[in-house]
Amino acid sequence: MAQFGAVLEGSRNVYWSLSAWQNLMHFGRLKGLRKAQVADRAKDLPAGLGLREGCSSPW
């Protein structure tokens, strides 16, 4: 079976208070990636999706 992951929306979600950046970091770490690996991959993702202006992040 292929792997499947989801982040559900809504106020009852455990991750509702996390920013997009924090969600990327959290789930990347859950997948077993090192913090630096997740950060390297995540920094280009918002721009690639056309979301860079609205993304709160450390960069």
Foldseek 3Di string as FASTA:
>chain_A
DDDDDDQDDDPVGPCNPPFPLRVQQVVCVVVVDDSVVSCVVPVCVCVVVVRVVPGDDPD
